[in-house]
Amino acid sequence: MKSEIACRIFKKAHLTGEFKLRSGLVSNEYFDKYLFESEPKLLLDIVEYMKGLIPEDAEIIAGLEMGGIPVVTALSIVSNKEAVFVRKHAKEYGTCKRTNIIIKSRKVEKVMKKKFKLQDLDCANCAAKMEDAIKKIDGVQDATVSFMTQKMTIEADDARFDDIMKEVVSVCKKVEPDCVILM
């Protein structure tokens, strides 16, 4: 079945001609994944095959934007597993995230991202120490502390965000006692 599907994908998506690639180079062959992803019967056959490759204990499946979205969506439907879409870069709008979940201990958690203004952060070294300490707090996915802008961004488990922020305030006070996080 695997080689039959591979042949069908190649037949559908392999193009010949003159194609300008993202790198700027020109090629006489091109593989257009959207051609096989837009054919329902072929896409269904692909994900039915892929379903058998998913480990039984897998809780989620993920696909990289844009090309991975049709495949992971269809695979999610046939496998009854949650789909996650991963961006190459964090969005610059809305949630400003690369994805909407973090995975820890085989558990899916929703992530909250918040920005805070800082008051009386006196040096860049202190900002770096605060950032390192915050990143070590359980439930924190990412953190940035900027001396230049006097701002802090925290990405952490949404369900525990308030408790995590109490720990953030505590570790920041240990590094820079006069610094205030404006919430």
N, C-alpha and C. Protein backbone atom coordinates (compact mmCIF):
# COMPACT_ATOMS: atom_id res chain seq x y z
N MET A 1 0.83 -1.19 0.00
CA MET A 1 0.00 0.00 0.00
C MET A 1 0.87 1.26 0.00
N LYS A 2 1.99 1.24 0.76
CA LYS A 2 2.86 2.40 0.88
C LYS A 2 3.40 2.83 -0.48
N SER A 3 3.91 1.89 -1.26
CA SER A 3 4.47 2.25 -2.57
C SER A 3 3.38 2.68 -3.55
N GLU A 4 2.19 2.11 -3.41
CA GLU A 4 1.07 2.51 -4.28
C GLU A 4 0.67 3.96 -3.99
N ILE A 5 0.59 4.31 -2.70
CA ILE A 5 0.26 5.69 -2.32
C ILE A 5 1.36 6.63 -2.78
N ALA A 6 2.61 6.24 -2.59
CA ALA A 6 3.74 7.08 -3.02
C ALA A 6 3.67 7.34 -4.52
N CYS A 7 3.34 6.33 -5.31
CA CYS A 7 3.21 6.50 -6.76
C CYS A 7 2.08 7.46 -7.10
N ARG A 8 0.97 7.34 -6.40
CA ARG A 8 -0.17 8.23 -6.65
C ARG A 8 0.16 9.68 -6.29
N ILE A 9 0.88 9.86 -5.18
CA ILE A 9 1.30 11.21 -4.77
C ILE A 9 2.22 11.80 -5.83
N PHE A 10 3.21 11.02 -6.26
CA PHE A 10 4.17 11.49 -7.26
C PHE A 10 3.45 11.86 -8.56
N LYS A 11 2.55 10.99 -8.98
CA LYS A 11 1.83 11.24 -10.24
C LYS A 11 1.00 12.52 -10.17
N LYS A 12 0.41 12.77 -8.99
CA LYS A 12 -0.46 13.93 -8.83
C LYS A 12 0.34 15.23 -8.63
N ALA A 13 1.44 15.17 -7.87
CA ALA A 13 2.10 16.39 -7.43
C ALA A 13 3.41 16.73 -8.14
N HIS A 14 3.97 15.79 -8.88
CA HIS A 14 5.23 16.05 -9.58
C HIS A 14 4.95 16.77 -10.90
N LEU A 15 5.56 17.93 -11.04
CA LEU A 15 5.35 18.74 -12.25
C LEU A 15 6.68 18.94 -12.97
N THR A 16 6.62 19.05 -14.28
CA THR A 16 7.80 19.38 -15.06
C THR A 16 7.52 20.67 -15.82
N GLY A 17 8.57 21.40 -16.06
CA GLY A 17 8.47 22.70 -16.73
C GLY A 17 9.57 23.58 -16.20
N GLU A 18 9.31 24.87 -16.10
CA GLU A 18 10.29 25.80 -15.53
C GLU A 18 9.66 26.46 -14.31
N PHE A 19 10.32 26.27 -13.17
CA PHE A 19 9.77 26.73 -11.90
C PHE A 19 10.81 27.51 -11.11
N LYS A 20 10.43 28.70 -10.67
CA LYS A 20 11.31 29.48 -9.82
C LYS A 20 11.09 29.03 -8.38
N LEU A 21 12.16 28.61 -7.71
CA LEU A 21 12.08 28.12 -6.35
C LEU A 21 12.21 29.26 -5.35
N ARG A 22 11.86 29.00 -4.10
CA ARG A 22 11.96 30.02 -3.04
C ARG A 22 13.38 30.57 -2.95
N SER A 23 14.37 29.74 -3.22
CA SER A 23 15.77 30.15 -3.14
C SER A 23 16.15 31.11 -4.27
N GLY A 24 15.28 31.19 -5.28
CA GLY A 24 15.58 32.03 -6.44
C GLY A 24 16.11 31.22 -7.61
N LEU A 25 16.51 29.98 -7.33
CA LEU A 25 16.99 29.11 -8.41
C LEU A 25 15.82 28.67 -9.28
N VAL A 26 16.13 28.23 -10.47
CA VAL A 26 15.11 27.74 -11.39
C VAL A 26 15.31 26.23 -11.54
N SER A 27 14.20 25.50 -11.50
CA SER A 27 14.25 24.04 -11.63
C SER A 27 13.30 23.61 -12.74
N ASN A 28 13.61 22.46 -13.36
CA ASN A 28 12.71 21.93 -14.38
C ASN A 28 11.74 20.89 -13.79
N GLU A 29 11.83 20.69 -12.47
CA GLU A 29 10.90 19.81 -11.77
C GLU A 29 10.40 20.52 -10.52
N TYR A 30 9.17 20.21 -10.14
CA TYR A 30 8.60 20.83 -8.96
C TYR A 30 7.61 19.85 -8.34
N PHE A 31 7.61 19.79 -7.01
CA PHE A 31 6.66 18.94 -6.28
C PHE A 31 5.69 19.87 -5.56
N ASP A 32 4.43 19.86 -5.99
CA ASP A 32 3.42 20.75 -5.43
C ASP A 32 2.50 19.96 -4.50
N LYS A 33 2.79 20.00 -3.21
CA LYS A 33 2.04 19.22 -2.22
C LYS A 33 0.56 19.56 -2.19
N TYR A 34 0.23 20.79 -2.57
CA TYR A 34 -1.18 21.19 -2.54
C TYR A 34 -2.01 20.41 -3.56
N LEU A 35 -1.39 19.90 -4.58
CA LEU A 35 -2.13 19.14 -5.59
C LEU A 35 -2.65 17.83 -5.02
N PHE A 36 -1.84 17.12 -4.21
CA PHE A 36 -2.36 15.87 -3.63
C PHE A 36 -3.20 16.15 -2.39
N GLU A 37 -2.90 17.23 -1.68
CA GLU A 37 -3.68 17.55 -0.49
C GLU A 37 -5.10 17.99 -0.82
N SER A 38 -5.30 18.45 -2.04
CA SER A 38 -6.62 18.93 -2.43
C SER A 38 -7.47 17.85 -3.10
N GLU A 39 -6.92 16.65 -3.23
CA GLU A 39 -7.69 15.54 -3.81
C GLU A 39 -8.21 14.67 -2.67
N PRO A 40 -9.51 14.72 -2.38
CA PRO A 40 -10.06 14.05 -1.20
C PRO A 40 -9.75 12.56 -1.08
N LYS A 41 -9.92 11.79 -2.14
CA LYS A 41 -9.71 10.34 -2.06
C LYS A 41 -8.24 10.03 -1.76
N LEU A 42 -7.32 10.72 -2.43
CA LEU A 42 -5.90 10.48 -2.20
C LEU A 42 -5.51 10.90 -0.78
N LEU A 43 -5.97 12.06 -0.34
CA LEU A 43 -5.66 12.52 1.01
C LEU A 43 -6.20 11.55 2.05
N LEU A 44 -7.41 11.04 1.84
CA LEU A 44 -7.98 10.07 2.78
C LEU A 44 -7.14 8.79 2.82
N ASP A 45 -6.72 8.30 1.65
CA ASP A 45 -5.88 7.10 1.62
C ASP A 45 -4.55 7.33 2.33
N ILE A 46 -3.98 8.52 2.16
CA ILE A 46 -2.71 8.85 2.82
C ILE A 46 -2.87 8.82 4.34
N VAL A 47 -3.92 9.49 4.85
CA VAL A 47 -4.07 9.57 6.30
C VAL A 47 -4.54 8.24 6.90
N GLU A 48 -5.27 7.45 6.14
CA GLU A 48 -5.63 6.11 6.64
C GLU A 48 -4.36 5.28 6.81
N TYR A 49 -3.42 5.41 5.90
CA TYR A 49 -2.13 4.71 6.03
C TYR A 49 -1.35 5.28 7.21
N MET A 50 -1.29 6.60 7.31
CA MET A 50 -0.53 7.25 8.38
C MET A 50 -1.10 6.94 9.76
N LYS A 51 -2.40 6.75 9.84
CA LYS A 51 -3.05 6.44 11.11
C LYS A 51 -2.40 5.21 11.76
N GLY A 52 -2.04 4.24 10.96
CA GLY A 52 -1.39 3.04 11.47
C GLY A 52 0.03 3.28 11.98
N LEU A 53 0.60 4.42 11.68
CA LEU A 53 1.96 4.76 12.12
C LEU A 53 1.98 5.52 13.45
N ILE A 54 0.81 5.96 13.92
CA ILE A 54 0.73 6.74 15.15
C ILE A 54 0.86 5.80 16.34
N PRO A 55 1.79 6.09 17.25
CA PRO A 55 1.89 5.25 18.46
C PRO A 55 0.58 5.29 19.25
N GLU A 56 0.22 4.17 19.85
CA GLU A 56 -1.05 4.09 20.58
C GLU A 56 -1.17 5.11 21.69
N ASP A 57 -0.04 5.43 22.34
CA ASP A 57 -0.10 6.36 23.47
C ASP A 57 0.01 7.83 23.05
N ALA A 58 0.05 8.10 21.77
CA ALA A 58 0.11 9.49 21.31
C ALA A 58 -1.19 10.20 21.67
N GLU A 59 -1.07 11.41 22.20
CA GLU A 59 -2.25 12.16 22.60
C GLU A 59 -2.63 13.23 21.58
N ILE A 60 -1.65 13.74 20.86
CA ILE A 60 -1.90 14.78 19.85
C ILE A 60 -1.06 14.49 18.62
N ILE A 61 -1.45 15.11 17.52
CA ILE A 61 -0.65 15.07 16.31
C ILE A 61 -0.45 16.52 15.87
N ALA A 62 0.70 16.79 15.28
CA ALA A 62 1.02 18.17 14.92
C ALA A 62 1.44 18.26 13.47
N GLY A 63 1.16 19.41 12.88
CA GLY A 63 1.55 19.66 11.50
C GLY A 63 2.07 21.08 11.36
N LEU A 64 3.07 21.23 10.52
CA LEU A 64 3.68 22.53 10.28
C LEU A 64 2.85 23.30 9.27
N GLU A 65 2.65 24.61 9.55
CA GLU A 65 1.94 25.46 8.60
C GLU A 65 2.67 25.43 7.26
N MET A 66 2.10 25.83 6.31
CA MET A 66 0.77 25.77 5.76
C MET A 66 0.52 24.38 5.19
N GLY A 67 1.55 23.82 4.59
CA GLY A 67 1.37 22.55 3.90
C GLY A 67 0.93 21.40 4.78
N GLY A 68 1.27 21.43 6.07
CA GLY A 68 0.91 20.33 6.96
C GLY A 68 -0.51 20.39 7.47
N ILE A 69 -1.17 21.51 7.30
CA ILE A 69 -2.51 21.67 7.88
C ILE A 69 -3.54 20.72 7.28
N PRO A 70 -3.64 20.58 5.97
CA PRO A 70 -4.64 19.62 5.45
C PRO A 70 -4.38 18.18 5.91
N VAL A 71 -3.11 17.77 5.90
CA VAL A 71 -2.79 16.39 6.29
C VAL A 71 -3.09 16.16 7.76
N VAL A 72 -2.64 17.07 8.65
CA VAL A 72 -2.86 16.85 10.07
C VAL A 72 -4.34 16.97 10.43
N THR A 73 -5.08 17.82 9.73
CA THR A 73 -6.52 17.93 9.99
C THR A 73 -7.22 16.62 9.62
N ALA A 74 -6.93 16.10 8.44
CA ALA A 74 -7.54 14.84 8.01
C ALA A 74 -7.11 13.69 8.92
N LEU A 75 -5.84 13.67 9.30
CA LEU A 75 -5.34 12.62 10.19
C LEU A 75 -5.99 12.72 11.56
N SER A 76 -6.23 13.92 12.02
CA SER A 76 -6.92 14.12 13.30
C SER A 76 -8.33 13.52 13.23
N ILE A 77 -9.00 13.72 12.13
CA ILE A 77 -10.36 13.21 11.96
C ILE A 77 -10.38 11.68 11.98
N VAL A 78 -9.48 11.05 11.21
CA VAL A 78 -9.52 9.58 11.14
C VAL A 78 -8.94 8.90 12.38
N SER A 79 -8.07 9.61 13.12
CA SER A 79 -7.45 9.00 14.30
C SER A 79 -8.13 9.41 15.60
N ASN A 80 -9.00 10.41 15.52
CA ASN A 80 -9.68 10.94 16.70
C ASN A 80 -8.69 11.46 17.74
N LYS A 81 -7.63 12.10 17.25
CA LYS A 81 -6.62 12.72 18.12
C LYS A 81 -6.60 14.21 17.85
N GLU A 82 -6.33 14.99 18.89
CA GLU A 82 -6.31 16.44 18.75
C GLU A 82 -5.21 16.87 17.78
N ALA A 83 -5.54 17.83 16.93
CA ALA A 83 -4.57 18.37 15.98
C ALA A 83 -3.98 19.67 16.51
N VAL A 84 -2.69 19.84 16.28
CA VAL A 84 -1.99 21.06 16.65
C VAL A 84 -1.30 21.58 15.41
N PHE A 85 -1.42 22.86 15.17
CA PHE A 85 -0.77 23.48 14.01
C PHE A 85 0.40 24.31 14.51
N VAL A 86 1.56 24.04 13.98
CA VAL A 86 2.78 24.70 14.43
C VAL A 86 3.22 25.68 13.35
N ARG A 87 3.45 26.92 13.78
CA ARG A 87 3.92 27.95 12.85
C ARG A 87 5.45 27.96 12.83
N LYS A 88 6.02 28.37 11.71
CA LYS A 88 7.48 28.50 11.63
C LYS A 88 7.96 29.61 12.54
N HIS A 89 7.15 30.63 12.70
CA HIS A 89 7.47 31.77 13.57
C HIS A 89 6.20 32.14 14.32
N ALA A 90 6.37 32.70 15.50
CA ALA A 90 5.21 33.15 16.27
C ALA A 90 4.45 34.21 15.48
N LYS A 91 3.13 34.17 15.61
CA LYS A 91 2.31 35.20 14.96
C LYS A 91 2.68 36.56 15.52
N GLU A 92 2.52 37.58 14.72
CA GLU A 92 2.79 38.94 15.18
C GLU A 92 1.49 39.65 15.55
N TYR A 93 0.40 38.90 15.68
CA TYR A 93 -0.90 39.46 16.03
C TYR A 93 -1.65 38.42 16.84
N GLY A 94 -2.79 38.79 17.36
CA GLY A 94 -3.62 37.83 18.12
C GLY A 94 -2.87 37.29 19.32
N THR A 95 -2.72 35.98 19.38
CA THR A 95 -2.05 35.34 20.53
C THR A 95 -0.54 35.46 20.48
N CYS A 96 0.01 35.81 19.32
CA CYS A 96 1.46 35.96 19.16
C CYS A 96 2.22 34.68 19.53
N LYS A 97 1.66 33.53 19.20
CA LYS A 97 2.27 32.25 19.55
C LYS A 97 2.60 31.42 18.31
N ARG A 98 3.51 30.47 18.49
CA ARG A 98 3.81 29.52 17.43
C ARG A 98 2.76 28.41 17.40
N THR A 99 2.17 28.12 18.54
CA THR A 99 1.10 27.13 18.64
C THR A 99 0.27 27.48 19.87
N ASN A 100 -0.85 26.79 20.04
CA ASN A 100 -1.73 27.16 21.14
C ASN A 100 -1.62 26.25 22.35
N ILE A 101 -0.66 25.31 22.36
CA ILE A 101 -0.51 24.45 23.52
C ILE A 101 0.97 24.21 23.82
N ILE A 102 1.23 23.78 25.05
CA ILE A 102 2.55 23.26 25.39
C ILE A 102 2.32 21.85 25.89
N ILE A 103 3.32 21.02 25.77
CA ILE A 103 3.20 19.63 26.18
C ILE A 103 4.19 19.38 27.31
N LYS A 104 3.68 18.96 28.45
CA LYS A 104 4.52 18.61 29.59
C LYS A 104 3.94 17.35 30.20
N SER A 105 4.78 16.40 30.47
CA SER A 105 4.37 15.17 31.13
C SER A 105 3.15 14.55 30.46
N ARG A 106 3.18 14.49 29.14
CA ARG A 106 2.12 13.87 28.36
C ARG A 106 0.76 14.51 28.61
N LYS A 107 0.75 15.77 28.99
CA LYS A 107 -0.49 16.48 29.30
C LYS A 107 -0.55 17.74 28.44
N VAL A 108 -1.71 17.99 27.86
CA VAL A 108 -1.88 19.17 27.03
C VAL A 108 -2.40 20.31 27.91
N GLU A 109 -1.72 21.45 27.83
CA GLU A 109 -2.09 22.60 28.63
C GLU A 109 -2.29 23.80 27.70
N LYS A 110 -3.27 24.62 28.01
CA LYS A 110 -3.44 25.87 27.26
C LYS A 110 -2.45 26.88 27.81
N VAL A 111 -1.95 27.73 26.92
CA VAL A 111 -0.93 28.69 27.30
C VAL A 111 -1.50 30.10 27.26
N MET A 112 -1.13 30.88 28.25
CA MET A 112 -1.49 32.29 28.32
C MET A 112 -0.21 33.08 28.11
N LYS A 113 -0.30 34.12 27.30
CA LYS A 113 0.85 35.01 27.11
C LYS A 113 0.42 36.42 27.50
N LYS A 114 1.17 37.01 28.43
CA LYS A 114 0.84 38.36 28.89
C LYS A 114 2.11 39.20 28.94
N LYS A 115 1.91 40.50 28.68
CA LYS A 115 2.99 41.47 28.77
C LYS A 115 2.74 42.39 29.95
N PHE A 116 3.82 42.74 30.64
CA PHE A 116 3.73 43.59 31.82
C PHE A 116 4.75 44.72 31.72
N LYS A 117 4.39 45.87 32.23
CA LYS A 117 5.34 46.98 32.35
C LYS A 117 6.08 46.81 33.66
N LEU A 118 7.36 47.20 33.65
CA LEU A 118 8.18 47.13 34.85
C LEU A 118 8.52 48.55 35.29
N GLN A 119 8.70 48.69 36.58
CA GLN A 119 9.08 49.98 37.13
C GLN A 119 10.31 49.78 38.01
N ASP A 120 11.31 50.60 37.82
CA ASP A 120 12.55 50.60 38.61
C ASP A 120 13.41 49.36 38.41
N LEU A 121 13.44 48.84 37.19
CA LEU A 121 14.41 47.81 36.84
C LEU A 121 15.69 48.56 36.48
N ASP A 122 16.74 48.38 37.27
CA ASP A 122 17.89 49.27 37.20
C ASP A 122 19.03 48.85 36.29
N CYS A 123 19.09 47.58 35.87
CA CYS A 123 20.22 47.21 35.00
C CYS A 123 19.90 46.01 34.12
N ALA A 124 20.62 45.92 33.02
CA ALA A 124 20.41 44.83 32.05
C ALA A 124 20.80 43.48 32.65
N ASN A 125 21.81 43.46 33.49
CA ASN A 125 22.23 42.22 34.13
C ASN A 125 21.13 41.67 35.03
N CYS A 126 20.48 42.57 35.76
CA CYS A 126 19.36 42.14 36.62
C CYS A 126 18.21 41.59 35.77
N ALA A 127 17.94 42.24 34.64
CA ALA A 127 16.89 41.77 33.74
C ALA A 127 17.18 40.36 33.26
N ALA A 128 18.45 40.10 32.90
CA ALA A 128 18.85 38.77 32.43
C ALA A 128 18.70 37.73 33.54
N LYS A 129 19.09 38.09 34.77
CA LYS A 129 18.96 37.17 35.90
C LYS A 129 17.48 36.87 36.19
N MET A 130 16.64 37.92 36.12
CA MET A 130 15.21 37.72 36.35
C MET A 130 14.63 36.78 35.29
N GLU A 131 14.99 37.02 34.03
CA GLU A 131 14.49 36.19 32.93
C GLU A 131 14.88 34.73 33.14
N ASP A 132 16.15 34.49 33.47
CA ASP A 132 16.61 33.11 33.70
C ASP A 132 15.86 32.45 34.84
N ALA A 133 15.63 33.19 35.93
CA ALA A 133 14.92 32.63 37.09
C ALA A 133 13.47 32.33 36.74
N ILE A 134 12.83 33.22 35.99
CA ILE A 134 11.42 33.01 35.61
C ILE A 134 11.28 31.77 34.74
N LYS A 135 12.20 31.58 33.81
CA LYS A 135 12.13 30.43 32.90
C LYS A 135 12.24 29.10 33.64
N LYS A 136 12.77 29.11 34.86
CA LYS A 136 12.91 27.88 35.64
C LYS A 136 11.65 27.53 36.45
N ILE A 137 10.70 28.44 36.48
CA ILE A 137 9.46 28.19 37.23
C ILE A 137 8.61 27.17 36.48
N ASP A 138 8.14 26.16 37.22
CA ASP A 138 7.29 25.13 36.62
C ASP A 138 6.04 25.76 36.02
N GLY A 139 5.75 25.42 34.77
CA GLY A 139 4.57 25.94 34.09
C GLY A 139 4.87 27.10 33.15
N VAL A 140 6.09 27.65 33.25
CA VAL A 140 6.48 28.75 32.36
C VAL A 140 7.06 28.16 31.08
N GLN A 141 6.47 28.54 29.95
CA GLN A 141 6.97 28.07 28.66
C GLN A 141 8.07 29.00 28.15
N ASP A 142 7.89 30.30 28.34
CA ASP A 142 8.89 31.27 27.88
C ASP A 142 8.72 32.56 28.66
N ALA A 143 9.81 33.32 28.71
CA ALA A 143 9.77 34.62 29.39
C ALA A 143 10.84 35.52 28.79
N THR A 144 10.53 36.80 28.72
CA THR A 144 11.53 37.80 28.33
C THR A 144 11.40 38.98 29.29
N VAL A 145 12.55 39.51 29.67
CA VAL A 145 12.59 40.69 30.51
C VAL A 145 13.54 41.66 29.84
N SER A 146 13.05 42.85 29.52
CA SER A 146 13.85 43.84 28.81
C SER A 146 14.12 45.07 29.69
N PHE A 147 15.41 45.29 29.96
CA PHE A 147 15.81 46.49 30.69
C PHE A 147 15.53 47.73 29.85
N MET A 148 15.82 47.65 28.55
CA MET A 148 15.67 48.80 27.66
C MET A 148 14.22 49.30 27.58
N THR A 149 13.28 48.39 27.45
CA THR A 149 11.87 48.79 27.31
C THR A 149 11.12 48.78 28.63
N GLN A 150 11.77 48.21 29.68
CA GLN A 150 11.12 48.08 30.99
C GLN A 150 9.83 47.27 30.86
N LYS A 151 9.92 46.15 30.09
CA LYS A 151 8.76 45.28 29.89
C LYS A 151 9.14 43.84 30.10
N MET A 152 8.14 43.04 30.46
CA MET A 152 8.32 41.61 30.67
C MET A 152 7.17 40.88 29.98
N THR A 153 7.49 39.77 29.31
CA THR A 153 6.49 38.92 28.69
C THR A 153 6.59 37.53 29.32
N ILE A 154 5.47 37.00 29.72
CA ILE A 154 5.41 35.66 30.32
C ILE A 154 4.46 34.81 29.50
N GLU A 155 4.91 33.60 29.14
CA GLU A 155 4.08 32.60 28.48
C GLU A 155 4.03 31.41 29.42
N ALA A 156 2.84 31.09 29.93
CA ALA A 156 2.74 30.04 30.94
C ALA A 156 1.39 29.35 30.89
N ASP A 157 1.32 28.25 31.63
CA ASP A 157 0.10 27.44 31.75
C ASP A 157 -1.07 28.33 32.17
N ASP A 158 -2.08 28.41 31.33
CA ASP A 158 -3.23 29.29 31.56
C ASP A 158 -3.96 28.95 32.86
N ALA A 159 -4.12 27.67 33.14
CA ALA A 159 -4.89 27.25 34.32
C ALA A 159 -4.20 27.66 35.62
N ARG A 160 -2.89 27.84 35.60
CA ARG A 160 -2.13 28.18 36.81
C ARG A 160 -1.49 29.57 36.72
N PHE A 161 -1.93 30.39 35.78
CA PHE A 161 -1.23 31.64 35.48
C PHE A 161 -1.12 32.56 36.71
N ASP A 162 -2.18 32.70 37.47
CA ASP A 162 -2.13 33.59 38.64
C ASP A 162 -1.12 33.11 39.67
N ASP A 163 -1.09 31.80 39.93
CA ASP A 163 -0.12 31.25 40.88
C ASP A 163 1.30 31.39 40.35
N ILE A 164 1.46 31.18 39.06
CA ILE A 164 2.79 31.33 38.44
C ILE A 164 3.26 32.77 38.58
N MET A 165 2.35 33.72 38.37
CA MET A 165 2.73 35.14 38.50
C MET A 165 3.16 35.49 39.92
N LYS A 166 2.59 34.84 40.93
CA LYS A 166 3.04 35.07 42.31
C LYS A 166 4.49 34.63 42.46
N GLU A 167 4.84 33.49 41.83
CA GLU A 167 6.23 33.02 41.87
C GLU A 167 7.14 33.95 41.08
N VAL A 168 6.64 34.47 39.96
CA VAL A 168 7.41 35.41 39.15
C VAL A 168 7.75 36.65 39.99
N VAL A 169 6.76 37.20 40.67
CA VAL A 169 6.98 38.38 41.51
C VAL A 169 8.03 38.07 42.58
N SER A 170 7.93 36.89 43.18
CA SER A 170 8.85 36.50 44.23
C SER A 170 10.30 36.39 43.73
N VAL A 171 10.50 35.71 42.60
CA VAL A 171 11.87 35.56 42.08
C VAL A 171 12.43 36.89 41.60
N CYS A 172 11.58 37.75 41.08
CA CYS A 172 12.04 39.06 40.62
C CYS A 172 12.47 39.92 41.81
N LYS A 173 11.73 39.85 42.90
CA LYS A 173 12.08 40.61 44.11
C LYS A 173 13.43 40.17 44.67
N LYS A 174 13.74 38.87 44.53
CA LYS A 174 15.03 38.37 45.04
C LYS A 174 16.19 38.96 44.23
N VAL A 175 15.97 39.16 42.93
CA VAL A 175 17.02 39.69 42.06
C VAL A 175 17.09 41.21 42.16
N GLU A 176 15.94 41.87 42.10
CA GLU A 176 15.87 43.33 42.05
C GLU A 176 14.74 43.79 43.00
N PRO A 177 15.07 43.95 44.29
CA PRO A 177 14.05 44.26 45.30
C PRO A 177 13.18 45.48 45.01
N ASP A 178 13.73 46.48 44.32
CA ASP A 178 12.96 47.71 44.05
C ASP A 178 12.09 47.63 42.81
N CYS A 179 12.26 46.61 42.01
CA CYS A 179 11.50 46.49 40.76
C CYS A 179 10.05 46.11 41.06
N VAL A 180 9.14 46.78 40.35
CA VAL A 180 7.71 46.52 40.51
C VAL A 180 7.15 46.06 39.16
N ILE A 181 6.38 44.97 39.20
CA ILE A 181 5.69 44.48 38.00
C ILE A 181 4.30 45.09 38.04
N LEU A 182 3.99 45.91 37.06
CA LEU A 182 2.69 46.58 37.00
C LEU A 182 1.67 45.65 36.33
N MET A 183 0.74 45.16 37.15
CA MET A 183 -0.22 44.18 36.64
C MET A 183 -1.58 44.78 36.42
